Amino acid sequence: MSDWEIALGIVGMGLITMITRSFFMIPKQELPMPDWAKQGLRYAPLAALAAVIAPEIVMSQGHLIDTWKDARLYAAAVGTAYFFWKRGILGTIISGTVVMLGLRIGLGW
């Protein structure tokens, strides 16, 4: 592949990214959208976050974990419990991190 083809690919991907990201800012009026689509879009960030985080918790190097001695499981459980108890993001992060570090450093998991 030559240098100009690589440059053309980079510029093309940049333009496509710019156009798709600014698609909703170009029109002067709000785009009409059915209520069911608006309702569904409310859950898109949560679904994307779950799709990224869930495999990180239950998989290791492309395979499901096969042992209960994995600090990620317990850290996720403690973080989830703390969030449902107190509804605080910072406490959720801290409690999960403390459990993860405690198990990894303390027990060598």
N, C-alpha and C. Protein backbone atom coordinates (compact mmCIF):
# COMPACT_ATOMS: atom_id res chain seq x y z
N MET A 1 0.86 -1.17 0.00
CA MET A 1 0.00 0.00 0.00
C MET A 1 0.91 1.23 0.00
N SER A 2 0.61 2.17 -0.87
CA SER A 2 1.47 3.35 -0.99
C SER A 2 1.09 4.42 0.02
N ASP A 3 1.95 5.42 0.14
CA ASP A 3 1.74 6.49 1.12
C ASP A 3 0.48 7.30 0.82
N TRP A 4 0.21 7.55 -0.47
CA TRP A 4 -0.97 8.35 -0.79
C TRP A 4 -2.25 7.60 -0.49
N GLU A 5 -2.24 6.29 -0.60
CA GLU A 5 -3.43 5.51 -0.26
C GLU A 5 -3.68 5.53 1.25
N ILE A 6 -2.62 5.47 2.03
CA ILE A 6 -2.75 5.55 3.48
C ILE A 6 -3.28 6.93 3.88
N ALA A 7 -2.72 7.99 3.27
CA ALA A 7 -3.17 9.35 3.57
C ALA A 7 -4.62 9.54 3.16
N LEU A 8 -5.00 9.02 2.01
CA LEU A 8 -6.39 9.12 1.55
C LEU A 8 -7.33 8.38 2.51
N GLY A 9 -6.91 7.22 2.99
CA GLY A 9 -7.72 6.47 3.96
C GLY A 9 -7.91 7.24 5.26
N ILE A 10 -6.84 7.86 5.74
CA ILE A 10 -6.92 8.61 6.99
C ILE A 10 -7.84 9.82 6.82
N VAL A 11 -7.67 10.55 5.72
CA VAL A 11 -8.52 11.73 5.48
C VAL A 11 -9.97 11.30 5.30
N GLY A 12 -10.21 10.22 4.56
CA GLY A 12 -11.57 9.73 4.35
C GLY A 12 -12.25 9.31 5.65
N MET A 13 -11.51 8.60 6.50
CA MET A 13 -12.10 8.20 7.79
C MET A 13 -12.37 9.40 8.67
N GLY A 14 -11.48 10.40 8.60
CA GLY A 14 -11.70 11.63 9.37
C GLY A 14 -12.95 12.36 8.91
N LEU A 15 -13.14 12.46 7.60
CA LEU A 15 -14.34 13.13 7.08
C LEU A 15 -15.62 12.38 7.45
N ILE A 16 -15.59 11.07 7.31
CA ILE A 16 -16.77 10.28 7.66
C ILE A 16 -17.09 10.44 9.15
N THR A 17 -16.07 10.42 9.99
CA THR A 17 -16.29 10.61 11.43
C THR A 17 -16.88 11.98 11.71
N MET A 18 -16.32 13.02 11.08
CA MET A 18 -16.81 14.38 11.30
C MET A 18 -18.26 14.52 10.85
N ILE A 19 -18.60 13.97 9.71
CA ILE A 19 -19.96 14.10 9.19
C ILE A 19 -20.95 13.34 10.08
N THR A 20 -20.61 12.11 10.47
CA THR A 20 -21.56 11.35 11.28
C THR A 20 -21.73 11.93 12.67
N ARG A 21 -20.68 12.50 13.24
CA ARG A 21 -20.79 13.09 14.58
C ARG A 21 -21.51 14.42 14.57
N SER A 22 -21.47 15.13 13.46
CA SER A 22 -22.12 16.44 13.41
C SER A 22 -23.48 16.36 12.73
N PHE A 23 -23.95 15.17 12.40
CA PHE A 23 -25.21 14.99 11.69
C PHE A 23 -26.38 15.64 12.41
N PHE A 24 -26.42 15.55 13.73
CA PHE A 24 -27.55 16.08 14.48
C PHE A 24 -27.41 17.58 14.74
N MET A 25 -26.24 18.16 14.48
CA MET A 25 -26.06 19.59 14.69
C MET A 25 -26.26 20.40 13.41
N ILE A 26 -26.29 19.76 12.26
CA ILE A 26 -26.40 20.47 10.99
C ILE A 26 -27.79 21.08 10.78
N PRO A 27 -28.90 20.36 10.99
CA PRO A 27 -30.22 20.96 10.73
C PRO A 27 -30.53 22.09 11.72
N LYS A 28 -31.28 23.09 11.23
CA LYS A 28 -31.65 24.21 12.09
C LYS A 28 -32.82 23.86 13.00
N GLN A 29 -33.63 22.90 12.60
CA GLN A 29 -34.77 22.47 13.41
C GLN A 29 -34.48 21.08 13.97
N GLU A 30 -35.19 20.78 15.04
CA GLU A 30 -35.03 19.45 15.63
C GLU A 30 -35.63 18.41 14.68
N LEU A 31 -34.92 17.31 14.51
CA LEU A 31 -35.40 16.25 13.63
C LEU A 31 -36.59 15.55 14.27
N PRO A 32 -37.67 15.33 13.51
CA PRO A 32 -38.81 14.61 14.09
C PRO A 32 -38.43 13.16 14.36
N MET A 33 -38.80 12.71 15.52
CA MET A 33 -38.46 11.35 15.91
C MET A 33 -39.64 10.75 16.66
N PRO A 34 -40.01 9.51 16.38
CA PRO A 34 -41.13 8.90 17.11
C PRO A 34 -40.80 8.75 18.60
N ASP A 35 -41.84 8.75 19.40
CA ASP A 35 -41.65 8.65 20.85
C ASP A 35 -40.94 7.38 21.26
N TRP A 36 -41.20 6.26 20.56
CA TRP A 36 -40.55 5.00 20.93
C TRP A 36 -39.05 5.09 20.70
N ALA A 37 -38.62 5.84 19.68
CA ALA A 37 -37.18 5.98 19.42
C ALA A 37 -36.53 6.87 20.49
N LYS A 38 -37.22 7.94 20.87
CA LYS A 38 -36.70 8.81 21.94
C LYS A 38 -36.57 8.03 23.25
N GLN A 39 -37.57 7.22 23.54
CA GLN A 39 -37.54 6.40 24.76
C GLN A 39 -36.39 5.40 24.71
N GLY A 40 -36.18 4.79 23.55
CA GLY A 40 -35.10 3.82 23.42
C GLY A 40 -33.72 4.45 23.51
N LEU A 41 -33.57 5.66 23.00
CA LEU A 41 -32.28 6.34 23.05
C LEU A 41 -31.87 6.73 24.47
N ARG A 42 -32.83 6.82 25.37
CA ARG A 42 -32.49 7.11 26.77
C ARG A 42 -31.63 6.01 27.38
N TYR A 43 -31.79 4.77 26.90
CA TYR A 43 -31.08 3.64 27.46
C TYR A 43 -29.81 3.28 26.70
N ALA A 44 -29.51 3.98 25.63
CA ALA A 44 -28.33 3.67 24.81
C ALA A 44 -27.02 3.79 25.58
N PRO A 45 -26.80 4.86 26.37
CA PRO A 45 -25.53 4.93 27.10
C PRO A 45 -25.36 3.80 28.12
N LEU A 46 -26.42 3.44 28.80
CA LEU A 46 -26.35 2.34 29.77
C LEU A 46 -26.06 1.02 29.07
N ALA A 47 -26.70 0.79 27.94
CA ALA A 47 -26.46 -0.44 27.19
C ALA A 47 -25.03 -0.51 26.68
N ALA A 48 -24.50 0.62 26.20
CA ALA A 48 -23.12 0.65 25.71
C ALA A 48 -22.14 0.40 26.86
N LEU A 49 -22.40 1.00 28.01
CA LEU A 49 -21.53 0.79 29.16
C LEU A 49 -21.56 -0.67 29.61
N ALA A 50 -22.73 -1.26 29.66
CA ALA A 50 -22.84 -2.67 30.05
C ALA A 50 -22.13 -3.58 29.04
N ALA A 51 -22.21 -3.23 27.75
CA ALA A 51 -21.55 -4.05 26.74
C ALA A 51 -20.03 -3.98 26.84
N VAL A 52 -19.51 -2.90 27.38
CA VAL A 52 -18.06 -2.76 27.53
C VAL A 52 -17.60 -3.38 28.84
N ILE A 53 -18.33 -3.16 29.92
CA ILE A 53 -17.91 -3.56 31.26
C ILE A 53 -18.13 -5.05 31.52
N ALA A 54 -19.26 -5.61 31.12
CA ALA A 54 -19.58 -7.00 31.44
C ALA A 54 -18.51 -7.99 30.95
N PRO A 55 -18.04 -7.90 29.71
CA PRO A 55 -16.98 -8.83 29.31
C PRO A 55 -15.69 -8.66 30.10
N GLU A 56 -15.39 -7.44 30.53
CA GLU A 56 -14.19 -7.20 31.33
C GLU A 56 -14.26 -7.91 32.68
N ILE A 57 -15.47 -8.07 33.20
CA ILE A 57 -15.64 -8.68 34.52
C ILE A 57 -15.60 -10.20 34.44
N VAL A 58 -16.24 -10.77 33.42
CA VAL A 58 -16.40 -12.23 33.40
C VAL A 58 -15.47 -12.96 32.43
N MET A 59 -14.62 -12.22 31.70
CA MET A 59 -13.72 -12.87 30.74
C MET A 59 -12.27 -12.49 31.00
N SER A 60 -11.40 -13.41 30.67
CA SER A 60 -9.97 -13.17 30.77
C SER A 60 -9.30 -13.72 29.53
N GLN A 61 -8.66 -12.88 28.76
CA GLN A 61 -7.98 -13.24 27.52
C GLN A 61 -8.89 -13.99 26.55
N GLY A 62 -10.14 -13.51 26.43
CA GLY A 62 -11.07 -14.08 25.47
C GLY A 62 -11.83 -15.31 25.92
N HIS A 63 -11.61 -15.75 27.15
CA HIS A 63 -12.31 -16.94 27.66
C HIS A 63 -13.01 -16.59 28.97
N LEU A 64 -14.14 -17.25 29.21
CA LEU A 64 -14.83 -17.05 30.48
C LEU A 64 -13.93 -17.51 31.62
N ILE A 65 -13.98 -16.78 32.72
CA ILE A 65 -13.15 -17.19 33.86
C ILE A 65 -13.71 -18.49 34.42
N ASP A 66 -12.82 -19.32 34.92
CA ASP A 66 -13.25 -20.63 35.39
C ASP A 66 -12.98 -20.84 36.87
N THR A 67 -12.75 -19.77 37.59
CA THR A 67 -12.48 -19.88 39.02
C THR A 67 -13.19 -18.76 39.77
N TRP A 68 -13.49 -19.02 41.02
CA TRP A 68 -14.10 -17.99 41.86
C TRP A 68 -13.03 -17.11 42.49
N LYS A 69 -11.76 -17.48 42.31
CA LYS A 69 -10.67 -16.69 42.88
C LYS A 69 -10.26 -15.58 41.91
N ASP A 70 -11.21 -14.75 41.55
CA ASP A 70 -10.96 -13.62 40.66
C ASP A 70 -11.48 -12.37 41.35
N ALA A 71 -10.59 -11.43 41.60
CA ALA A 71 -10.93 -10.23 42.36
C ALA A 71 -11.97 -9.37 41.65
N ARG A 72 -12.05 -9.46 40.34
CA ARG A 72 -13.00 -8.62 39.59
C ARG A 72 -14.44 -8.94 39.96
N LEU A 73 -14.74 -10.22 40.18
CA LEU A 73 -16.11 -10.61 40.54
C LEU A 73 -16.53 -9.98 41.86
N TYR A 74 -15.68 -10.07 42.85
CA TYR A 74 -16.00 -9.54 44.17
C TYR A 74 -16.02 -8.02 44.17
N ALA A 75 -15.11 -7.39 43.43
CA ALA A 75 -15.09 -5.93 43.34
C ALA A 75 -16.36 -5.42 42.66
N ALA A 76 -16.80 -6.09 41.62
CA ALA A 76 -18.03 -5.70 40.93
C ALA A 76 -19.24 -5.89 41.84
N ALA A 77 -19.26 -6.98 42.59
CA ALA A 77 -20.38 -7.24 43.50
C ALA A 77 -20.45 -6.19 44.61
N VAL A 78 -19.29 -5.86 45.19
CA VAL A 78 -19.26 -4.85 46.26
C VAL A 78 -19.62 -3.48 45.71
N GLY A 79 -19.09 -3.13 44.54
CA GLY A 79 -19.42 -1.84 43.94
C GLY A 79 -20.90 -1.73 43.62
N THR A 80 -21.49 -2.80 43.10
CA THR A 80 -22.92 -2.80 42.79
C THR A 80 -23.75 -2.68 44.07
N ALA A 81 -23.38 -3.43 45.09
CA ALA A 81 -24.11 -3.36 46.37
C ALA A 81 -24.03 -1.95 46.97
N TYR A 82 -22.84 -1.35 46.92
CA TYR A 82 -22.69 0.00 47.47
C TYR A 82 -23.55 0.99 46.69
N PHE A 83 -23.58 0.87 45.38
CA PHE A 83 -24.38 1.80 44.59
C PHE A 83 -25.87 1.68 44.93
N PHE A 84 -26.37 0.46 45.06
CA PHE A 84 -27.78 0.31 45.39
C PHE A 84 -28.09 0.73 46.82
N TRP A 85 -27.08 0.70 47.68
CA TRP A 85 -27.28 1.10 49.08
C TRP A 85 -27.24 2.61 49.22
N LYS A 86 -26.22 3.27 48.66
CA LYS A 86 -26.02 4.70 48.86
C LYS A 86 -26.31 5.57 47.64
N ARG A 87 -26.35 5.00 46.45
CA ARG A 87 -26.57 5.72 45.20
C ARG A 87 -25.50 6.77 44.93
N GLY A 88 -24.26 6.48 45.27
CA GLY A 88 -23.16 7.40 45.04
C GLY A 88 -22.11 6.81 44.13
N ILE A 89 -21.72 7.56 43.10
CA ILE A 89 -20.75 7.05 42.13
C ILE A 89 -19.35 6.97 42.74
N LEU A 90 -18.92 8.02 43.45
CA LEU A 90 -17.58 8.02 44.01
C LEU A 90 -17.39 6.87 45.00
N GLY A 91 -18.35 6.66 45.87
CA GLY A 91 -18.28 5.56 46.82
C GLY A 91 -18.27 4.20 46.13
N THR A 92 -19.00 4.09 45.03
CA THR A 92 -19.02 2.86 44.25
C THR A 92 -17.63 2.56 43.70
N ILE A 93 -17.00 3.58 43.12
CA ILE A 93 -15.67 3.40 42.56
C ILE A 93 -14.66 3.06 43.65
N ILE A 94 -14.72 3.78 44.76
CA ILE A 94 -13.77 3.55 45.85
C ILE A 94 -13.95 2.17 46.46
N SER A 95 -15.20 1.77 46.73
CA SER A 95 -15.42 0.47 47.37
C SER A 95 -14.98 -0.67 46.46
N GLY A 96 -15.28 -0.58 45.16
CA GLY A 96 -14.84 -1.62 44.23
C GLY A 96 -13.33 -1.68 44.11
N THR A 97 -12.70 -0.51 44.09
CA THR A 97 -11.24 -0.46 43.99
C THR A 97 -10.58 -1.00 45.24
N VAL A 98 -11.10 -0.68 46.40
CA VAL A 98 -10.53 -1.18 47.66
C VAL A 98 -10.61 -2.71 47.70
N VAL A 99 -11.74 -3.27 47.31
CA VAL A 99 -11.88 -4.73 47.30
C VAL A 99 -10.93 -5.35 46.27
N MET A 100 -10.86 -4.75 45.09
CA MET A 100 -9.98 -5.28 44.04
C MET A 100 -8.53 -5.25 44.49
N LEU A 101 -8.06 -4.13 45.01
CA LEU A 101 -6.68 -4.03 45.47
C LEU A 101 -6.43 -4.93 46.67
N GLY A 102 -7.38 -5.01 47.57
CA GLY A 102 -7.22 -5.88 48.75
C GLY A 102 -7.04 -7.33 48.36
N LEU A 103 -7.84 -7.79 47.43
CA LEU A 103 -7.74 -9.19 47.01
C LEU A 103 -6.50 -9.44 46.14
N ARG A 104 -6.17 -8.49 45.30
CA ARG A 104 -5.01 -8.67 44.41
C ARG A 104 -3.70 -8.58 45.20
N ILE A 105 -3.58 -7.55 46.03
CA ILE A 105 -2.33 -7.37 46.78
C ILE A 105 -2.29 -8.27 48.01
N GLY A 106 -3.39 -8.31 48.75
CA GLY A 106 -3.43 -9.09 49.99
C GLY A 106 -3.39 -10.59 49.79
N LEU A 107 -4.21 -11.10 48.86
CA LEU A 107 -4.29 -12.55 48.65
C LEU A 107 -3.60 -13.01 47.39
N GLY A 108 -3.14 -12.09 46.56
CA GLY A 108 -2.43 -12.46 45.35
C GLY A 108 -3.31 -12.98 44.24
N TRP A 109 -4.58 -12.63 44.25
CA TRP A 109 -5.49 -13.08 43.20
C TRP A 109 -5.19 -12.26 41.99
